[in-house]
C-alpha atoms as a PDB file:
ATOM      1  CA  UNK A   1       0.261  -0.122  -0.068  1.00  0.00           C
ATOM      2  CA  UNK A   2       1.046   3.248  -1.456  1.00  0.00           C
ATOM      3  CA  UNK A   3       1.728   5.698   1.862  1.00  0.00           C
ATOM      4  CA  UNK A   4       0.319   9.424   2.137  1.00  0.00           C
ATOM      5  CA  UNK A   5       3.044  12.057   0.091  1.00  0.00           C
ATOM      6  CA  UNK A   6       3.657  14.745   2.978  1.00  0.00           C
ATOM      7  CA  UNK A   7       3.130  18.452   1.354  1.00  0.00           C
ATOM      8  CA  UNK A   8       6.157  21.233   1.797  1.00  0.00           C
ATOM      9  CA  UNK A   9       5.747  24.560   1.858  1.00  0.00           C
ATOM     10  CA  UNK A  10       7.234  26.532  -1.120  1.00  0.00           C
ATOM     11  CA  UNK A  11       8.580  30.149  -0.402  1.00  0.00           C
ATOM     12  CA  UNK A  12      10.637  32.935  -2.405  1.00  0.00           C
ATOM     13  CA  UNK A  13      12.929  35.458  -1.495  1.00  0.00           C
ATOM     14  CA  UNK A  14      15.071  37.117  -3.224  1.00  0.00           C
ATOM     15  CA  UNK A  15      18.797  36.583  -3.810  1.00  0.00           C
ATOM     16  CA  UNK A  16      21.420  40.088  -2.562  1.00  0.00           C
ATOM     17  CA  UNK A  17      23.348  39.640  -4.534  1.00  0.00           C
ATOM     18  CA  UNK A  18      21.195  40.059  -8.064  1.00  0.00           C
ATOM     19  CA  UNK A  19      17.455  41.818  -8.100  1.00  0.00           C
ATOM     20  CA  UNK A  20      16.620  37.887  -8.855  1.00  0.00           C
ATOM     21  CA  UNK A  21      13.924  35.501  -6.868  1.00  0.00           C
ATOM     22  CA  UNK A  22      14.534  32.168  -5.911  1.00  0.00           C
ATOM     23  CA  UNK A  23      11.933  29.492  -4.554  1.00  0.00           C
ATOM     24  CA  UNK A  24      13.019  27.349  -1.798  1.00  0.00           C
ATOM     25  CA  UNK A  25      12.063  25.002   0.085  1.00  0.00           C
ATOM     26  CA  UNK A  26      12.596  23.344   4.209  1.00  0.00           C
ATOM     27  CA  UNK A  27      14.901  21.049   4.235  1.00  0.00           C
ATOM     28  CA  UNK A  28      13.920  17.210   5.229  1.00  0.00           C
ATOM     29  CA  UNK A  29      15.229  14.401   7.682  1.00  0.00           C
ATOM     30  CA  UNK A  30      17.631  13.381   4.840  1.00  0.00           C
ATOM     31  CA  UNK A  31      18.819  16.734   4.426  1.00  0.00           C
ATOM     32  CA  UNK A  32      18.943  17.166   8.140  1.00  0.00           C
ATOM     33  CA  UNK A  33      20.930  14.555   9.031  1.00  0.00           C
ATOM     34  CA  UNK A  34      23.754  14.904   6.466  1.00  0.00           C
ATOM     35  CA  UNK A  35      24.135  18.276   8.327  1.00  0.00           C
ATOM     36  CA  UNK A  36      24.043  17.137  11.539  1.00  0.00           C
ATOM     37  CA  UNK A  37      26.560  14.457  10.526  1.00  0.00           C
ATOM     38  CA  UNK A  38      29.289  17.061   8.648  1.00  0.00           C
ATOM     39  CA  UNK A  39      28.865  19.589  12.390  1.00  0.00           C
ATOM     40  CA  UNK A  40      29.277  16.550  14.619  1.00  0.00           C
ATOM     41  CA  UNK A  41      32.808  16.179  12.543  1.00  0.00           C
ATOM     42  CA  UNK A  42      33.829  18.945  12.876  1.00  0.00           C
ATOM     43  CA  UNK A  43      34.969  19.354  10.013  1.00  0.00           C
ATOM     44  CA  UNK A  44      35.413  23.035   8.004  1.00  0.00           C
ATOM     45  CA  UNK A  45      34.958  21.058   4.329  1.00  0.00           C
ATOM     46  CA  UNK A  46      32.521  18.432   5.078  1.00  0.00           C
ATOM     47  CA  UNK A  47      30.122  21.108   6.832  1.00  0.00           C
ATOM     48  CA  UNK A  48      30.735  23.717   3.378  1.00  0.00           C
ATOM     49  CA  UNK A  49      29.575  20.490   1.505  1.00  0.00           C
ATOM     50  CA  UNK A  50      26.610  20.019   3.592  1.00  0.00           C
ATOM     51  CA  UNK A  51      25.491  23.682   2.993  1.00  0.00           C
ATOM     52  CA  UNK A  52      25.981  23.761  -0.185  1.00  0.00           C
ATOM     53  CA  UNK A  53      24.192  20.138  -0.689  1.00  0.00           C
ATOM     54  CA  UNK A  54      21.005  21.444   1.203  1.00  0.00           C
ATOM     55  CA  UNK A  55      20.859  25.098  -0.207  1.00  0.00           C
ATOM     56  CA  UNK A  56      21.127  22.703  -4.521  1.00  0.00           C
ATOM     57  CA  UNK A  57      18.452  20.574  -3.395  1.00  0.00           C
ATOM     58  CA  UNK A  58      16.458  22.868  -1.605  1.00  0.00           C
ATOM     59  CA  UNK A  59      16.030  25.481  -4.009  1.00  0.00           C
ATOM     60  CA  UNK A  60      15.282  22.508  -6.681  1.00  0.00           C
ATOM     61  CA  UNK A  61      18.262  22.107  -8.539  1.00  0.00           C
ATOM     62  CA  UNK A  62      17.601  26.012 -10.540  1.00  0.00           C
ATOM     63  CA  UNK A  63      20.585  27.579  -8.843  1.00  0.00           C
ATOM     64  CA  UNK A  64      24.066  26.289  -9.013  1.00  0.00           C
ATOM     65  CA  UNK A  65      25.145  26.666  -5.843  1.00  0.00           C
ATOM     66  CA  UNK A  66      28.867  26.216  -6.016  1.00  0.00           C
ATOM     67  CA  UNK A  67      28.946  28.651  -8.050  1.00  0.00           C
ATOM     68  CA  UNK A  68      27.516  31.111  -5.810  1.00  0.00           C
ATOM     69  CA  UNK A  69      28.862  33.858  -3.696  1.00  0.00           C
ATOM     70  CA  UNK A  70      29.601  33.513  -0.345  1.00  0.00           C
ATOM     71  CA  UNK A  71      26.888  36.077   1.160  1.00  0.00           C
ATOM     72  CA  UNK A  72      24.082  34.971  -1.082  1.00  0.00           C
ATOM     73  CA  UNK A  73      24.510  31.450  -0.461  1.00  0.00           C
ATOM     74  CA  UNK A  74      25.066  31.684   3.408  1.00  0.00           C
ATOM     75  CA  UNK A  75      22.591  33.982   3.606  1.00  0.00           C
ATOM     76  CA  UNK A  76      19.843  31.098   1.655  1.00  0.00           C
ATOM     77  CA  UNK A  77      21.227  28.633   3.861  1.00  0.00           C
ATOM     78  CA  UNK A  78      20.980  30.670   6.666  1.00  0.00           C
ATOM     79  CA  UNK A  79      16.757  31.155   5.658  1.00  0.00           C
ATOM     80  CA  UNK A  80      16.212  28.014   4.236  1.00  0.00           C
ATOM     81  CA  UNK A  81      17.437  26.460   8.232  1.00  0.00           C
ATOM     82  CA  UNK A  82      14.543  29.301   9.249  1.00  0.00           C
ATOM     83  CA  UNK A  83      11.690  28.035   7.354  1.00  0.00           C
ATOM     84  CA  UNK A  84      13.146  24.007   8.518  1.00  0.00           C
ATOM     85  CA  UNK A  85      13.433  24.193  12.257  1.00  0.00           C
ATOM     86  CA  UNK A  86      12.548  27.682  13.325  1.00  0.00           C
ATOM     87  CA  UNK A  87      13.286  31.369  12.768  1.00  0.00           C
ATOM     88  CA  UNK A  88      14.714  31.375  16.612  1.00  0.00           C
ATOM     89  CA  UNK A  89      18.007  30.425  16.643  1.00  0.00           C
ATOM     90  CA  UNK A  90      20.336  30.063  20.742  1.00  0.00           C
ATOM     91  CA  UNK A  91      23.216  31.838  21.063  1.00  0.00           C
ATOM     92  CA  UNK A  92      26.502  32.049  23.252  1.00  0.00           C
ATOM     93  CA  UNK A  93      27.214  35.261  23.606  1.00  0.00           C
ATOM     94  CA  UNK A  94      31.348  37.030  24.647  1.00  0.00           C
ATOM     95  CA  UNK A  95      30.490  39.694  26.578  1.00  0.00           C
ATOM     96  CA  UNK A  96      33.435  41.661  25.174  1.00  0.00           C
ATOM     97  CA  UNK A  97      33.956  44.242  27.964  1.00  0.00           C
ATOM     98  CA  UNK A  98      35.267  40.905  30.197  1.00  0.00           C
ATOM     99  CA  UNK A  99      35.947  38.693  27.689  1.00  0.00           C
ATOM    100  CA  UNK A 100      34.905  35.563  30.089  1.00  0.00           C
ATOM    101  CA  UNK A 101      31.201  36.118  30.526  1.00  0.00           C
ATOM    102  CA  UNK A 102      28.719  34.323  28.224  1.00  0.00           C
ATOM    103  CA  UNK A 103      25.871  35.129  28.057  1.00  0.00           C
ATOM    104  CA  UNK A 104      22.488  33.395  26.090  1.00  0.00           C
ATOM    105  CA  UNK A 105      20.210  34.654  23.705  1.00  0.00           C
ATOM    106  CA  UNK A 106      18.170  34.389  21.117  1.00  0.00           C
ATOM    107  CA  UNK A 107      18.713  35.758  16.920  1.00  0.00           C
ATOM    108  CA  UNK A 108      15.921  35.942  14.557  1.00  0.00           C
ATOM    109  CA  UNK A 109      17.413  34.272  11.479  1.00  0.00           C
ATOM    110  CA  UNK A 110      14.713  35.571   8.849  1.00  0.00           C
ATOM    111  CA  UNK A 111      16.286  39.345  10.503  1.00  0.00           C
ATOM    112  CA  UNK A 112      19.749  38.589   9.315  1.00  0.00           C
ATOM    113  CA  UNK A 113      21.341  40.227   5.988  1.00  0.00           C
ATOM    114  CA  UNK A 114      23.340  40.431   3.488  1.00  0.00           C
ATOM    115  CA  UNK A 115      25.217  44.292   4.135  1.00  0.00           C
ATOM    116  CA  UNK A 116      27.867  45.922   1.548  1.00  0.00           C
ATOM    117  CA  UNK A 117      29.209  49.478   2.573  1.00  0.00           C
ATOM    118  CA  UNK A 118      28.381  52.594   0.930  1.00  0.00           C
ATOM    119  CA  UNK A 119      32.196  52.470  -1.082  1.00  0.00           C
ATOM    120  CA  UNK A 120      32.078  49.472  -1.940  1.00  0.00           C
ATOM    121  CA  UNK A 121      32.401  48.876  -5.550  1.00  0.00           C
ATOM    122  CA  UNK A 122      33.435  45.042  -7.846  1.00  0.00           C
ATOM    123  CA  UNK A 123      35.189  47.807 -10.530  1.00  0.00           C
ATOM    124  CA  UNK A 124      38.436  49.156  -9.930  1.00  0.00           C
ATOM    125  CA  UNK A 125      40.809  52.244 -12.201  1.00  0.00           C
ATOM    126  CA  UNK A 126      43.953  51.613 -12.819  1.00  0.00           C
ATOM    127  CA  UNK A 127      44.803  54.665 -14.235  1.00  0.00           C
ATOM    128  CA  UNK A 128      41.851  57.510 -15.007  1.00  0.00           C
ATOM    129  CA  UNK A 129      42.993  58.918 -18.285  1.00  0.00           C
ATOM    130  CA  UNK A 130      43.355  55.632 -20.178  1.00  0.00           C
ATOM    131  CA  UNK A 131      40.632  54.309 -18.560  1.00  0.00           C
ATOM    132  CA  UNK A 132      42.188  50.545 -17.078  1.00  0.00           C
ATOM    133  CA  UNK A 133      41.104  49.167 -15.090  1.00  0.00           C
ATOM    134  CA  UNK A 134      39.425  45.421 -13.608  1.00  0.00           C
ATOM    135  CA  UNK A 135      36.515  43.926 -13.199  1.00  0.00           C
ATOM    136  CA  UNK A 136      36.409  41.392 -10.271  1.00  0.00           C
ATOM    137  CA  UNK A 137      33.486  38.242  -9.512  1.00  0.00           C
ATOM    138  CA  UNK A 138      32.702  37.981  -6.165  1.00  0.00           C
ATOM    139  CA  UNK A 139      34.028  34.673  -4.510  1.00  0.00           C
ATOM    140  CA  UNK A 140      32.624  31.204  -4.122  1.00  0.00           C
ATOM    141  CA  UNK A 141      32.429  28.820  -1.812  1.00  0.00           C
ATOM    142  CA  UNK A 142      35.088  27.461  -3.769  1.00  0.00           C
ATOM    143  CA  UNK A 143      37.161  29.962  -4.468  1.00  0.00           C
ATOM    144  CA  UNK A 144      37.430  30.837  -0.970  1.00  0.00           C
ATOM    145  CA  UNK A 145      37.641  29.886   2.140  1.00  0.00           C
ATOM    146  CA  UNK A 146      34.511  30.243   4.801  1.00  0.00           C
ATOM    147  CA  UNK A 147      35.184  33.774   6.370  1.00  0.00           C
ATOM    148  CA  UNK A 148      38.262  34.742   4.806  1.00  0.00           C
ATOM    149  CA  UNK A 149      39.263  37.631   6.041  1.00  0.00           C
ATOM    150  CA  UNK A 150      42.185  39.118   3.693  1.00  0.00           C
ATOM    151  CA  UNK A 151      43.773  41.548   5.857  1.00  0.00           C
ATOM    152  CA  UNK A 152      44.913  38.288   7.909  1.00  0.00           C
ATOM    153  CA  UNK A 153      46.154  36.003   4.310  1.00  0.00           C
ATOM    154  CA  UNK A 154      50.260  36.312   3.275  1.00  0.00           C
ATOM    155  CA  UNK A 155      50.772  37.647   0.117  1.00  0.00           C
ATOM    156  CA  UNK A 156      50.472  34.082  -1.833  1.00  0.00           C
ATOM    157  CA  UNK A 157      47.474  33.428  -0.561  1.00  0.00           C
ATOM    158  CA  UNK A 158      46.384  37.152  -1.071  1.00  0.00           C
ATOM    159  CA  UNK A 159      47.696  37.120  -5.255  1.00  0.00           C
ATOM    160  CA  UNK A 160      46.058  33.933  -5.694  1.00  0.00           C
ATOM    161  CA  UNK A 161      42.577  35.273  -4.701  1.00  0.00           C
ATOM    162  CA  UNK A 162      42.700  37.794  -6.127  1.00  0.00           C
ATOM    163  CA  UNK A 163      43.729  36.352  -9.592  1.00  0.00           C
ATOM    164  CA  UNK A 164      41.423  33.368  -8.965  1.00  0.00           C
ATOM    165  CA  UNK A 165      38.279  36.250  -9.114  1.00  0.00           C
ATOM    166  CA  UNK A 166      39.340  38.750 -11.999  1.00  0.00           C
ATOM    167  CA  UNK A 167      36.128  38.785 -14.055  1.00  0.00           C
ATOM    168  CA  UNK A 168      38.376  40.937 -17.344  1.00  0.00           C
ATOM    169  CA  UNK A 169      40.589  44.019 -17.076  1.00  0.00           C
ATOM    170  CA  UNK A 170      39.774  46.372 -19.626  1.00  0.00           C
ATOM    171  CA  UNK A 171      40.748  49.658 -21.352  1.00  0.00           C
ATOM    172  CA  UNK A 172      38.768  51.898 -22.765  1.00  0.00           C
ATOM    173  CA  UNK A 173      35.907  50.005 -24.580  1.00  0.00           C
ATOM    174  CA  UNK A 174      38.083  46.389 -24.722  1.00  0.00           C
ATOM    175  CA  UNK A 175      37.705  44.105 -22.994  1.00  0.00           C
ATOM    176  CA  UNK A 176      40.441  41.759 -22.241  1.00  0.00           C
ATOM    177  CA  UNK A 177      38.670  38.437 -19.919  1.00  0.00           C
ATOM    178  CA  UNK A 178      40.137  36.228 -17.793  1.00  0.00           C
ATOM    179  CA  UNK A 179      39.715  32.619 -18.772  1.00  0.00           C
ATOM    180  CA  UNK A 180      41.407  34.320 -21.869  1.00  0.00           C
ATOM    181  CA  UNK A 181      44.871  34.292 -20.140  1.00  0.00           C
ATOM    182  CA  UNK A 182      47.462  32.420 -17.708  1.00  0.00           C
ATOM    183  CA  UNK A 183      47.108  32.953 -14.176  1.00  0.00           C
ATOM    184  CA  UNK A 184      51.454  33.425 -14.616  1.00  0.00           C
ATOM    185  CA  UNK A 185      49.654  36.476 -17.030  1.00  0.00           C
ATOM    186  CA  UNK A 186      47.174  38.185 -14.813  1.00  0.00           C
ATOM    187  CA  UNK A 187      50.032  37.504 -10.960  1.00  0.00           C
ATOM    188  CA  UNK A 188      52.277  39.480 -13.745  1.00  0.00           C
ATOM    189  CA  UNK A 189      49.717  41.933 -14.009  1.00  0.00           C
ATOM    190  CA  UNK A 190      48.614  42.505 -10.256  1.00  0.00           C
ATOM    191  CA  UNK A 191      52.321  42.983  -9.575  1.00  0.00           C
ATOM    192  CA  UNK A 192      53.246  45.361 -12.316  1.00  0.00           C
ATOM    193  CA  UNK A 193      51.088  47.491 -10.372  1.00  0.00           C
ATOM    194  CA  UNK A 194      51.126  50.157  -8.040  1.00  0.00           C
ATOM    195  CA  UNK A 195      51.133  50.110  -4.549  1.00  0.00           C
ATOM    196  CA  UNK A 196      47.634  52.366  -4.245  1.00  0.00           C
ATOM    197  CA  UNK A 197      45.959  50.216  -7.104  1.00  0.00           C
ATOM    198  CA  UNK A 198      47.043  46.919  -4.955  1.00  0.00           C
ATOM    199  CA  UNK A 199      44.915  48.664  -1.826  1.00  0.00           C
ATOM    200  CA  UNK A 200      41.964  49.347  -4.358  1.00  0.00           C
ATOM    201  CA  UNK A 201      42.228  45.444  -4.849  1.00  0.00           C
ATOM    202  CA  UNK A 202      41.909  44.920  -1.875  1.00  0.00           C
ATOM    203  CA  UNK A 203      39.313  47.117   0.024  1.00  0.00           C
ATOM    204  CA  UNK A 204      37.356  45.117  -2.960  1.00  0.00           C
ATOM    205  CA  UNK A 205      37.376  42.336  -0.767  1.00  0.00           C
ATOM    206  CA  UNK A 206      37.444  44.332   2.748  1.00  0.00           C
ATOM    207  CA  UNK A 207      34.037  45.994   1.230  1.00  0.00           C
ATOM    208  CA  UNK A 208      32.606  43.711   0.422  1.00  0.00           C
ATOM    209  CA  UNK A 209      28.905  42.064   0.717  1.00  0.00           C
ATOM    210  CA  UNK A 210      28.780  40.071   4.142  1.00  0.00           C
ATOM    211  CA  UNK A 211      26.192  37.642   6.404  1.00  0.00           C
ATOM    212  CA  UNK A 212      25.820  40.608   9.190  1.00  0.00           C
ATOM    213  CA  UNK A 213      23.343  40.585  12.600  1.00  0.00           C
ATOM    214  CA  UNK A 214      24.692  43.222  14.979  1.00  0.00           C
ATOM    215  CA  UNK A 215      22.694  42.722  18.604  1.00  0.00           C
ATOM    216  CA  UNK A 216      22.593  43.905  22.224  1.00  0.00           C
ATOM    217  CA  UNK A 217      24.061  41.721  25.065  1.00  0.00           C
ATOM    218  CA  UNK A 218      23.954  42.567  28.509  1.00  0.00           C
ATOM    219  CA  UNK A 219      26.792  41.515  31.468  1.00  0.00           C
ATOM    220  CA  UNK A 220      24.722  40.267  34.020  1.00  0.00           C
ATOM    221  CA  UNK A 221      27.964  40.821  36.876  1.00  0.00           C
ATOM    222  CA  UNK A 222      28.869  44.136  35.149  1.00  0.00           C
ATOM    223  CA  UNK A 223      24.816  45.237  34.015  1.00  0.00           C
ATOM    224  CA  UNK A 224      27.469  46.544  30.848  1.00  0.00           C
ATOM    225  CA  UNK A 225      25.496  46.742  27.910  1.00  0.00           C
ATOM    226  CA  UNK A 226      27.374  45.941  24.365  1.00  0.00           C
ATOM    227  CA  UNK A 227      26.916  45.709  20.694  1.00  0.00           C
ATOM    228  CA  UNK A 228      28.370  42.421  19.416  1.00  0.00           C
ATOM    229  CA  UNK A 229      27.815  41.386  15.526  1.00  0.00           C
ATOM    230  CA  UNK A 230      28.204  37.818  14.279  1.00  0.00           C
ATOM    231  CA  UNK A 231      29.516  38.011  10.698  1.00  0.00           C
ATOM    232  CA  UNK A 232      29.108  35.345   7.910  1.00  0.00           C
ATOM    233  CA  UNK A 233      27.997  31.705   8.578  1.00  0.00           C
ATOM    234  CA  UNK A 234      31.274  31.505  10.261  1.00  0.00           C
ATOM    235  CA  UNK A 235      30.075  33.778  13.720  1.00  0.00           C
ATOM    236  CA  UNK A 236      26.746  31.576  13.686  1.00  0.00           C
ATOM    237  CA  UNK A 237      28.661  28.438  13.221  1.00  0.00           C
ATOM    238  CA  UNK A 238      30.805  29.460  16.406  1.00  0.00           C
ATOM    239  CA  UNK A 239      28.006  31.229  18.373  1.00  0.00           C
ATOM    240  CA  UNK A 240      24.964  28.769  18.357  1.00  0.00           C
ATOM    241  CA  UNK A 241      24.659  25.327  16.589  1.00  0.00           C
ATOM    242  CA  UNK A 242      22.788  26.365  13.428  1.00  0.00           C
ATOM    243  CA  UNK A 243      20.335  22.912  13.852  1.00  0.00           C
ATOM    244  CA  UNK A 244      19.979  22.657  17.326  1.00  0.00           C
ATOM    245  CA  UNK A 245      15.966  24.539  17.906  1.00  0.00           C
END
């Protein structure tokens, strides 16, 4: 005898990186199991793979989760999690005034947004007179570590990240797609830039859109109220379990 089919609700959101509406569903028990196992291992790669798999499945395979900008993937996952287990997630937050007291709080995940700084742009001009510059694409989960901080990586790793995320170089109306050049050619182009231009490119990464949420916490021992910022999935995973209601 065939068992009854359980209906799964469908929701819709707009990707932060573009004006694209995406339909999604909550994750199922079998998908939650994959995430549980990954979190239990504590292995970042396993957790990332589980997140990618869940986002891919829960968006009905209409998106390539591996090719989404990191902040799109993080935002999608949090919204899927909110619809799957509950909008409120429990967090244990370290009070910054003494750096030793933890307080329990809750965050409404549906209120967490991707934020972008006003001066952010993915178009960097190297020579205004020649109209010479380059355009970056946003790193995906495949091209950068989750929560990577461009201010704290070594020089060689920084060059690799920059090269991997060049979309194209331009001079006036002429376009030079990065895919038509080798990594060595692109790296050579970057190495011949001034320090000032190199800092402009670093600024693209340091001001990139990011999943961010601010909350107030009050230290019960000192009565001091502080603002704490959760930034990117790494903070969310580090501060609260993403799978515990």
